[in-house]
Amino acid sequence: MSEEVKTKLNSIFKNVFKDHSLEVTEEMTSNDVERWDSLSHFTLIATVENEFKIKFHLNELIAMKNVGDLIHGISSKQLSVSNS
C-alpha cells in the first residue's frame, strides 16, 4: 500500500510546492525542498488529509520527522479505516 501512497504523495508535493521535477523520498524533510515553509506545510497537510480522507492529530504531526513518517501515518490511518 505504501507505494500507492507514495505515488499519490508525489503528485501532491509537486502541486503544493509548484515543482514538477520534485521526487518524493522517504528520507525527504522540509530542509530538502526549497519552498517548504510553515505556510506550505499547512497547505501540504490539509491537502494530504483531503486527498486521503484522513485527519491527523497534532501530536502525530509533531512526531513526523520525514516523508517516510508521513507515508507510514497515512498507511496506518487507511488501514484502521478499512478495518472498521
PDB file of N, CA and C in Angstrom:
ATOM      1  N   MET A   1       0.813  -1.197   0.000  1.00  0.00           N
ATOM      2  CA  MET A   1       0.000   0.000   0.000  1.00  0.00           C
ATOM      3  C   MET A   1       0.853   1.256   0.000  1.00  0.00           C
ATOM      4  N   SER A   2       2.014   1.228   0.633  1.00  0.00           N
ATOM      5  CA  SER A   2       2.810   2.451   0.736  1.00  0.00           C
ATOM      6  C   SER A   2       3.301   2.957  -0.620  1.00  0.00           C
ATOM      7  N   GLU A   3       3.440   2.078  -1.623  1.00  0.00           N
ATOM      8  CA  GLU A   3       3.824   2.555  -2.964  1.00  0.00           C
ATOM      9  C   GLU A   3       2.711   3.389  -3.575  1.00  0.00           C
ATOM     10  N   GLU A   4       1.458   2.972  -3.354  1.00  0.00           N
ATOM     11  CA  GLU A   4       0.317   3.755  -3.831  1.00  0.00           C
ATOM     12  C   GLU A   4       0.284   5.113  -3.137  1.00  0.00           C
ATOM     13  N   VAL A   5       0.524   5.088  -1.836  1.00  0.00           N
ATOM     14  CA  VAL A   5       0.551   6.324  -1.047  1.00  0.00           C
ATOM     15  C   VAL A   5       1.662   7.222  -1.556  1.00  0.00           C
ATOM     16  N   LYS A   6       2.839   6.652  -1.765  1.00  0.00           N
ATOM     17  CA  LYS A   6       3.989   7.429  -2.220  1.00  0.00           C
ATOM     18  C   LYS A   6       3.728   8.054  -3.589  1.00  0.00           C
ATOM     19  N   THR A   7       3.095   7.326  -4.480  1.00  0.00           N
ATOM     20  CA  THR A   7       2.782   7.840  -5.814  1.00  0.00           C
ATOM     21  C   THR A   7       1.820   9.020  -5.723  1.00  0.00           C
ATOM     22  N   LYS A   8       0.775   8.876  -4.912  1.00  0.00           N
ATOM     23  CA  LYS A   8      -0.193   9.958  -4.742  1.00  0.00           C
ATOM     24  C   LYS A   8       0.453  11.158  -4.055  1.00  0.00           C
ATOM     25  N   LEU A   9       1.299  10.892  -3.053  1.00  0.00           N
ATOM     26  CA  LEU A   9       2.007  11.964  -2.356  1.00  0.00           C
ATOM     27  C   LEU A   9       2.914  12.724  -3.307  1.00  0.00           C
ATOM     28  N   ASN A  10       3.564  12.018  -4.201  1.00  0.00           N
ATOM     29  CA  ASN A  10       4.460  12.662  -5.163  1.00  0.00           C
ATOM     30  C   ASN A  10       3.700  13.719  -5.958  1.00  0.00           C
ATOM     31  N   SER A  11       2.508  13.384  -6.393  1.00  0.00           N
ATOM     32  CA  SER A  11       1.675  14.323  -7.138  1.00  0.00           C
ATOM     33  C   SER A  11       1.273  15.512  -6.257  1.00  0.00           C
ATOM     34  N   ILE A  12       0.915  15.240  -5.013  1.00  0.00           N
ATOM     35  CA  ILE A  12       0.541  16.306  -4.076  1.00  0.00           C
ATOM     36  C   ILE A  12       1.719  17.245  -3.851  1.00  0.00           C
ATOM     37  N   PHE A  13       2.902  16.699  -3.618  1.00  0.00           N
ATOM     38  CA  PHE A  13       4.088  17.517  -3.387  1.00  0.00           C
ATOM     39  C   PHE A  13       4.383  18.406  -4.587  1.00  0.00           C
ATOM     40  N   LYS A  14       4.291  17.845  -5.783  1.00  0.00           N
ATOM     41  CA  LYS A  14       4.559  18.621  -6.999  1.00  0.00           C
ATOM     42  C   LYS A  14       3.599  19.796  -7.114  1.00  0.00           C
ATOM     43  N   ASN A  15       2.335  19.573  -6.774  1.00  0.00           N
ATOM     44  CA  ASN A  15       1.339  20.636  -6.863  1.00  0.00           C
ATOM     45  C   ASN A  15       1.507  21.671  -5.760  1.00  0.00           C
ATOM     46  N   VAL A  16       1.680  21.240  -4.523  1.00  0.00           N
ATOM     47  CA  VAL A  16       1.797  22.168  -3.397  1.00  0.00           C
ATOM     48  C   VAL A  16       3.033  23.045  -3.537  1.00  0.00           C
ATOM     49  N   PHE A  17       4.155  22.432  -3.907  1.00  0.00           N
ATOM     50  CA  PHE A  17       5.411  23.177  -3.986  1.00  0.00           C
ATOM     51  C   PHE A  17       5.697  23.726  -5.383  1.00  0.00           C
ATOM     52  N   LYS A  18       4.756  23.499  -6.295  1.00  0.00           N
ATOM     53  CA  LYS A  18       4.863  24.018  -7.669  1.00  0.00           C
ATOM     54  C   LYS A  18       6.224  23.694  -8.300  1.00  0.00           C
ATOM     55  N   ASP A  19       6.606  22.424  -8.148  1.00  0.00           N
ATOM     56  CA  ASP A  19       7.885  21.945  -8.675  1.00  0.00           C
ATOM     57  C   ASP A  19       7.653  20.557  -9.264  1.00  0.00           C
ATOM     58  N   HIS A  20       7.486  20.501 -10.574  1.00  0.00           N
ATOM     59  CA  HIS A  20       7.156  19.240 -11.225  1.00  0.00           C
ATOM     60  C   HIS A  20       8.348  18.307 -11.399  1.00  0.00           C
ATOM     61  N   SER A  21       9.524  18.757 -11.001  1.00  0.00           N
ATOM     62  CA  SER A  21      10.692  17.875 -11.038  1.00  0.00           C
ATOM     63  C   SER A  21      10.904  17.193  -9.673  1.00  0.00           C
ATOM     64  N   LEU A  22      10.125  17.568  -8.693  1.00  0.00           N
ATOM     65  CA  LEU A  22      10.259  17.043  -7.337  1.00  0.00           C
ATOM     66  C   LEU A  22       9.923  15.558  -7.293  1.00  0.00           C
ATOM     67  N   GLU A  23      10.772  14.784  -6.655  1.00  0.00           N
ATOM     68  CA  GLU A  23      10.530  13.352  -6.463  1.00  0.00           C
ATOM     69  C   GLU A  23      10.598  13.045  -4.975  1.00  0.00           C
ATOM     70  N   VAL A  24       9.512  12.559  -4.436  1.00  0.00           N
ATOM     71  CA  VAL A  24       9.411  12.269  -3.012  1.00  0.00           C
ATOM     72  C   VAL A  24      10.250  11.048  -2.653  1.00  0.00           C
ATOM     73  N   THR A  25      11.002  11.167  -1.563  1.00  0.00           N
ATOM     74  CA  THR A  25      11.712  10.024  -0.993  1.00  0.00           C
ATOM     75  C   THR A  25      11.318   9.922   0.476  1.00  0.00           C
ATOM     76  N   GLU A  26      11.466   8.766   1.048  1.00  0.00           N
ATOM     77  CA  GLU A  26      11.091   8.578   2.449  1.00  0.00           C
ATOM     78  C   GLU A  26      11.978   9.378   3.389  1.00  0.00           C
ATOM     79  N   GLU A  27      13.197   9.664   2.982  1.00  0.00           N
ATOM     80  CA  GLU A  27      14.140  10.406   3.823  1.00  0.00           C
ATOM     81  C   GLU A  27      13.958  11.914   3.712  1.00  0.00           C
ATOM     82  N   MET A  28      13.159  12.372   2.753  1.00  0.00           N
ATOM     83  CA  MET A  28      12.983  13.795   2.491  1.00  0.00           C
ATOM     84  C   MET A  28      12.414  14.520   3.714  1.00  0.00           C
ATOM     85  N   THR A  29      12.960  15.720   3.968  1.00  0.00           N
ATOM     86  CA  THR A  29      12.453  16.590   5.029  1.00  0.00           C
ATOM     87  C   THR A  29      12.207  17.975   4.441  1.00  0.00           C
ATOM     88  N   SER A  30      11.702  18.864   5.262  1.00  0.00           N
ATOM     89  CA  SER A  30      11.446  20.230   4.799  1.00  0.00           C
ATOM     90  C   SER A  30      12.729  20.926   4.360  1.00  0.00           C
ATOM     91  N   ASN A  31      13.861  20.503   4.893  1.00  0.00           N
ATOM     92  CA  ASN A  31      15.149  21.093   4.507  1.00  0.00           C
ATOM     93  C   ASN A  31      15.536  20.762   3.063  1.00  0.00           C
ATOM     94  N   ASP A  32      14.910  19.733   2.494  1.00  0.00           N
ATOM     95  CA  ASP A  32      15.252  19.288   1.139  1.00  0.00           C
ATOM     96  C   ASP A  32      14.428  19.962   0.045  1.00  0.00           C
ATOM     97  N   VAL A  33      13.401  20.724   0.439  1.00  0.00           N
ATOM     98  CA  VAL A  33      12.508  21.347  -0.534  1.00  0.00           C
ATOM     99  C   VAL A  33      12.548  22.863  -0.335  1.00  0.00           C
ATOM    100  N   GLU A  34      12.966  23.555  -1.371  1.00  0.00           N
ATOM    101  CA  GLU A  34      13.202  24.993  -1.285  1.00  0.00           C
ATOM    102  C   GLU A  34      11.986  25.780  -0.792  1.00  0.00           C
ATOM    103  N   ARG A  35      10.820  25.459  -1.261  1.00  0.00           N
ATOM    104  CA  ARG A  35       9.618  26.243  -0.931  1.00  0.00           C
ATOM    105  C   ARG A  35       8.846  25.717   0.285  1.00  0.00           C
ATOM    106  N   TRP A  36       9.414  24.781   1.023  1.00  0.00           N
ATOM    107  CA  TRP A  36       8.719  24.182   2.155  1.00  0.00           C
ATOM    108  C   TRP A  36       8.897  25.060   3.388  1.00  0.00           C
ATOM    109  N   ASP A  37       7.925  25.939   3.611  1.00  0.00           N
ATOM    110  CA  ASP A  37       7.936  26.801   4.788  1.00  0.00           C
ATOM    111  C   ASP A  37       6.684  26.496   5.612  1.00  0.00           C
ATOM    112  N   SER A  38       6.416  27.289   6.638  1.00  0.00           N
ATOM    113  CA  SER A  38       5.293  26.986   7.531  1.00  0.00           C
ATOM    114  C   SER A  38       3.944  27.058   6.808  1.00  0.00           C
ATOM    115  N   LEU A  39       3.779  28.003   5.914  1.00  0.00           N
ATOM    116  CA  LEU A  39       2.514  28.118   5.190  1.00  0.00           C
ATOM    117  C   LEU A  39       2.325  26.955   4.216  1.00  0.00           C
ATOM    118  N   SER A  40       3.364  26.606   3.484  1.00  0.00           N
ATOM    119  CA  SER A  40       3.236  25.490   2.546  1.00  0.00           C
ATOM    120  C   SER A  40       3.084  24.168   3.294  1.00  0.00           C
ATOM    121  N   HIS A  41       3.646  24.089   4.511  1.00  0.00           N
ATOM    122  CA  HIS A  41       3.479  22.877   5.331  1.00  0.00           C
ATOM    123  C   HIS A  41       2.001  22.706   5.687  1.00  0.00           C
ATOM    124  N   PHE A  42       1.361  23.797   6.097  1.00  0.00           N
ATOM    125  CA  PHE A  42      -0.068  23.752   6.407  1.00  0.00           C
ATOM    126  C   PHE A  42      -0.860  23.317   5.178  1.00  0.00           C
ATOM    127  N   THR A  43      -0.544  23.882   4.032  1.00  0.00           N
ATOM    128  CA  THR A  43      -1.224  23.533   2.786  1.00  0.00           C
ATOM    129  C   THR A  43      -1.007  22.062   2.444  1.00  0.00           C
ATOM    130  N   LEU A  44       0.229  21.601   2.627  1.00  0.00           N
ATOM    131  CA  LEU A  44       0.558  20.198   2.354  1.00  0.00           C
ATOM    132  C   LEU A  44      -0.283  19.258   3.216  1.00  0.00           C
ATOM    133  N   ILE A  45      -0.312  19.509   4.514  1.00  0.00           N
ATOM    134  CA  ILE A  45      -1.051  18.625   5.426  1.00  0.00           C
ATOM    135  C   ILE A  45      -2.543  18.667   5.120  1.00  0.00           C
ATOM    136  N   ALA A  46      -3.093  19.852   4.883  1.00  0.00           N
ATOM    137  CA  ALA A  46      -4.519  19.974   4.555  1.00  0.00           C
ATOM    138  C   ALA A  46      -4.842  19.219   3.265  1.00  0.00           C
ATOM    139  N   THR A  47      -3.966  19.322   2.276  1.00  0.00           N
ATOM    140  CA  THR A  47      -4.172  18.625   1.002  1.00  0.00           C
ATOM    141  C   THR A  47      -4.085  17.120   1.194  1.00  0.00           C
ATOM    142  N   VAL A  48      -3.108  16.658   1.955  1.00  0.00           N
ATOM    143  CA  VAL A  48      -2.957  15.229   2.234  1.00  0.00           C
ATOM    144  C   VAL A  48      -4.213  14.705   2.941  1.00  0.00           C
ATOM    145  N   GLU A  49      -4.677  15.425   3.957  1.00  0.00           N
ATOM    146  CA  GLU A  49      -5.869  14.982   4.682  1.00  0.00           C
ATOM    147  C   GLU A  49      -7.085  14.928   3.749  1.00  0.00           C
ATOM    148  N   ASN A  50      -7.235  15.913   2.887  1.00  0.00           N
ATOM    149  CA  ASN A  50      -8.349  15.915   1.929  1.00  0.00           C
ATOM    150  C   ASN A  50      -8.255  14.779   0.931  1.00  0.00           C
ATOM    151  N   GLU A  51      -7.095  14.623   0.326  1.00  0.00           N
ATOM    152  CA  GLU A  51      -6.919  13.618  -0.724  1.00  0.00           C
ATOM    153  C   GLU A  51      -7.061  12.195  -0.199  1.00  0.00           C
ATOM    154  N   PHE A  52      -6.549  11.944   1.003  1.00  0.00           N
ATOM    155  CA  PHE A  52      -6.598  10.592   1.563  1.00  0.00           C
ATOM    156  C   PHE A  52      -7.804  10.381   2.480  1.00  0.00           C
ATOM    157  N   LYS A  53      -8.601  11.456   2.686  1.00  0.00           N
ATOM    158  CA  LYS A  53      -9.787  11.402   3.531  1.00  0.00           C
ATOM    159  C   LYS A  53      -9.462  10.891   4.933  1.00  0.00           C
ATOM    160  N   ILE A  54      -8.441  11.528   5.531  1.00  0.00           N
ATOM    161  CA  ILE A  54      -7.998  11.196   6.882  1.00  0.00           C
ATOM    162  C   ILE A  54      -7.812  12.490   7.664  1.00  0.00           C
ATOM    163  N   LYS A  55      -7.601  12.364   8.955  1.00  0.00           N
ATOM    164  CA  LYS A  55      -7.293  13.514   9.807  1.00  0.00           C
ATOM    165  C   LYS A  55      -6.164  13.107  10.741  1.00  0.00           C
ATOM    166  N   PHE A  56      -5.159  13.969  10.840  1.00  0.00           N
ATOM    167  CA  PHE A  56      -4.067  13.746  11.778  1.00  0.00           C
ATOM    168  C   PHE A  56      -4.323  14.533  13.055  1.00  0.00           C
ATOM    169  N   HIS A  57      -3.917  13.969  14.179  1.00  0.00           N
ATOM    170  CA  HIS A  57      -3.912  14.693  15.447  1.00  0.00           C
ATOM    171  C   HIS A  57      -2.614  15.488  15.505  1.00  0.00           C
ATOM    172  N   LEU A  58      -2.616  16.579  16.236  1.00  0.00           N
ATOM    173  CA  LEU A  58      -1.437  17.435  16.334  1.00  0.00           C
ATOM    174  C   LEU A  58      -0.217  16.649  16.802  1.00  0.00           C
ATOM    175  N   ASN A  59      -0.383  15.773  17.787  1.00  0.00           N
ATOM    176  CA  ASN A  59       0.773  15.011  18.289  1.00  0.00           C
ATOM    177  C   ASN A  59       1.353  14.079  17.223  1.00  0.00           C
ATOM    178  N   GLU A  60       0.523  13.598  16.305  1.00  0.00           N
ATOM    179  CA  GLU A  60       1.013  12.767  15.206  1.00  0.00           C
ATOM    180  C   GLU A  60       1.870  13.604  14.263  1.00  0.00           C
ATOM    181  N   LEU A  61       1.416  14.805  13.963  1.00  0.00           N
ATOM    182  CA  LEU A  61       2.156  15.690  13.064  1.00  0.00           C
ATOM    183  C   LEU A  61       3.492  16.098  13.673  1.00  0.00           C
ATOM    184  N   ILE A  62       3.485  16.396  14.959  1.00  0.00           N
ATOM    185  CA  ILE A  62       4.716  16.802  15.649  1.00  0.00           C
ATOM    186  C   ILE A  62       5.747  15.668  15.630  1.00  0.00           C
ATOM    187  N   ALA A  63       5.287  14.437  15.729  1.00  0.00           N
ATOM    188  CA  ALA A  63       6.191  13.281  15.772  1.00  0.00           C
ATOM    189  C   ALA A  63       6.817  12.954  14.412  1.00  0.00           C
ATOM    190  N   MET A  64       6.246  13.462  13.329  1.00  0.00           N
ATOM    191  CA  MET A  64       6.757  13.148  11.991  1.00  0.00           C
ATOM    192  C   MET A  64       8.057  13.892  11.727  1.00  0.00           C
ATOM    193  N   LYS A  65       9.087  13.138  11.350  1.00  0.00           N
ATOM    194  CA  LYS A  65      10.406  13.726  11.105  1.00  0.00           C
ATOM    195  C   LYS A  65      10.777  13.782   9.627  1.00  0.00           C
ATOM    196  N   ASN A  66      10.080  12.990   8.799  1.00  0.00           N
ATOM    197  CA  ASN A  66      10.385  12.969   7.370  1.00  0.00           C
ATOM    198  C   ASN A  66       9.169  12.450   6.594  1.00  0.00           C
ATOM    199  N   VAL A  67       9.284  12.388   5.292  1.00  0.00           N
ATOM    200  CA  VAL A  67       8.183  11.939   4.444  1.00  0.00           C
ATOM    201  C   VAL A  67       7.859  10.469   4.705  1.00  0.00           C
ATOM    202  N   GLY A  68       8.844   9.688   5.066  1.00  0.00           N
ATOM    203  CA  GLY A  68       8.591   8.284   5.412  1.00  0.00           C
ATOM    204  C   GLY A  68       7.618   8.166   6.572  1.00  0.00           C
ATOM    205  N   ASP A  69       7.765   9.030   7.573  1.00  0.00           N
ATOM    206  CA  ASP A  69       6.828   9.041   8.699  1.00  0.00           C
ATOM    207  C   ASP A  69       5.428   9.435   8.228  1.00  0.00           C
ATOM    208  N   LEU A  70       5.344  10.371   7.287  1.00  0.00           N
ATOM    209  CA  LEU A  70       4.058  10.780   6.724  1.00  0.00           C
ATOM    210  C   LEU A  70       3.412   9.615   5.983  1.00  0.00           C
ATOM    211  N   ILE A  71       4.186   8.920   5.176  1.00  0.00           N
ATOM    212  CA  ILE A  71       3.674   7.750   4.438  1.00  0.00           C
ATOM    213  C   ILE A  71       3.157   6.703   5.413  1.00  0.00           C
ATOM    214  N   HIS A  72       3.940   6.438   6.453  1.00  0.00           N
ATOM    215  CA  HIS A  72       3.523   5.456   7.461  1.00  0.00           C
ATOM    216  C   HIS A  72       2.230   5.901   8.148  1.00  0.00           C
ATOM    217  N   GLY A  73       2.136   7.182   8.478  1.00  0.00           N
ATOM    218  CA  GLY A  73       0.935   7.709   9.129  1.00  0.00           C
ATOM    219  C   GLY A  73      -0.292   7.580   8.247  1.00  0.00           C
ATOM    220  N   ILE A  74      -0.143   7.896   6.970  1.00  0.00           N
ATOM    221  CA  ILE A  74      -1.260   7.767   6.024  1.00  0.00           C
ATOM    222  C   ILE A  74      -1.680   6.306   5.906  1.00  0.00           C
ATOM    223  N   SER A  75      -0.697   5.428   5.717  1.00  0.00           N
ATOM    224  CA  SER A  75      -0.988   3.997   5.564  1.00  0.00           C
ATOM    225  C   SER A  75      -1.680   3.441   6.801  1.00  0.00           C
ATOM    226  N   SER A  76      -1.225   3.835   7.974  1.00  0.00           N
ATOM    227  CA  SER A  76      -1.830   3.365   9.228  1.00  0.00           C
ATOM    228  C   SER A  76      -3.277   3.814   9.340  1.00  0.00           C
ATOM    229  N   LYS A  77      -3.524   5.063   8.995  1.00  0.00           N
ATOM    230  CA  LYS A  77      -4.894   5.588   9.089  1.00  0.00           C
ATOM    231  C   LYS A  77      -5.806   4.915   8.057  1.00  0.00           C
ATOM    232  N   GLN A  78      -5.290   4.663   6.868  1.00  0.00           N
ATOM    233  CA  GLN A  78      -6.103   3.975   5.856  1.00  0.00           C
ATOM    234  C   GLN A  78      -6.406   2.551   6.288  1.00  0.00           C
ATOM    235  N   LEU A  79      -5.435   1.912   6.915  1.00  0.00           N
ATOM    236  CA  LEU A  79      -5.615   0.540   7.388  1.00  0.00           C
ATOM    237  C   LEU A  79      -6.659   0.489   8.497  1.00  0.00           C
ATOM    238  N   SER A  80      -6.594   1.443   9.425  1.00  0.00           N
ATOM    239  CA  SER A  80      -7.557   1.441  10.531  1.00  0.00           C
ATOM    240  C   SER A  80      -8.963   1.752  10.033  1.00  0.00           C
ATOM    241  N   VAL A  81      -9.090   2.579   8.990  1.00  0.00           N
ATOM    242  CA  VAL A  81     -10.411   2.865   8.419  1.00  0.00           C
ATOM    243  C   VAL A  81     -10.966   1.635   7.713  1.00  0.00           C
ATOM    244  N   SER A  82     -10.120   0.922   6.980  1.00  0.00           N
ATOM    245  CA  SER A  82     -10.582  -0.250   6.239  1.00  0.00           C
ATOM    246  C   SER A  82     -10.911  -1.413   7.173  1.00  0.00           C
ATOM    247  N   ASN A  83     -10.335  -1.413   8.392  1.00  0.00           N
ATOM    248  CA  ASN A  83     -10.634  -2.471   9.361  1.00  0.00           C
ATOM    249  C   ASN A  83     -11.827  -2.134  10.236  1.00  0.00           C
ATOM    250  N   SER A  84     -12.375  -0.939  10.077  1.00  0.00           N
ATOM    251  CA  SER A  84     -13.521  -0.525  10.912  1.00  0.00           C
ATOM    252  C   SER A  84     -14.816  -1.080  10.391  1.00  0.00           C
TER     253      SER A  84
END
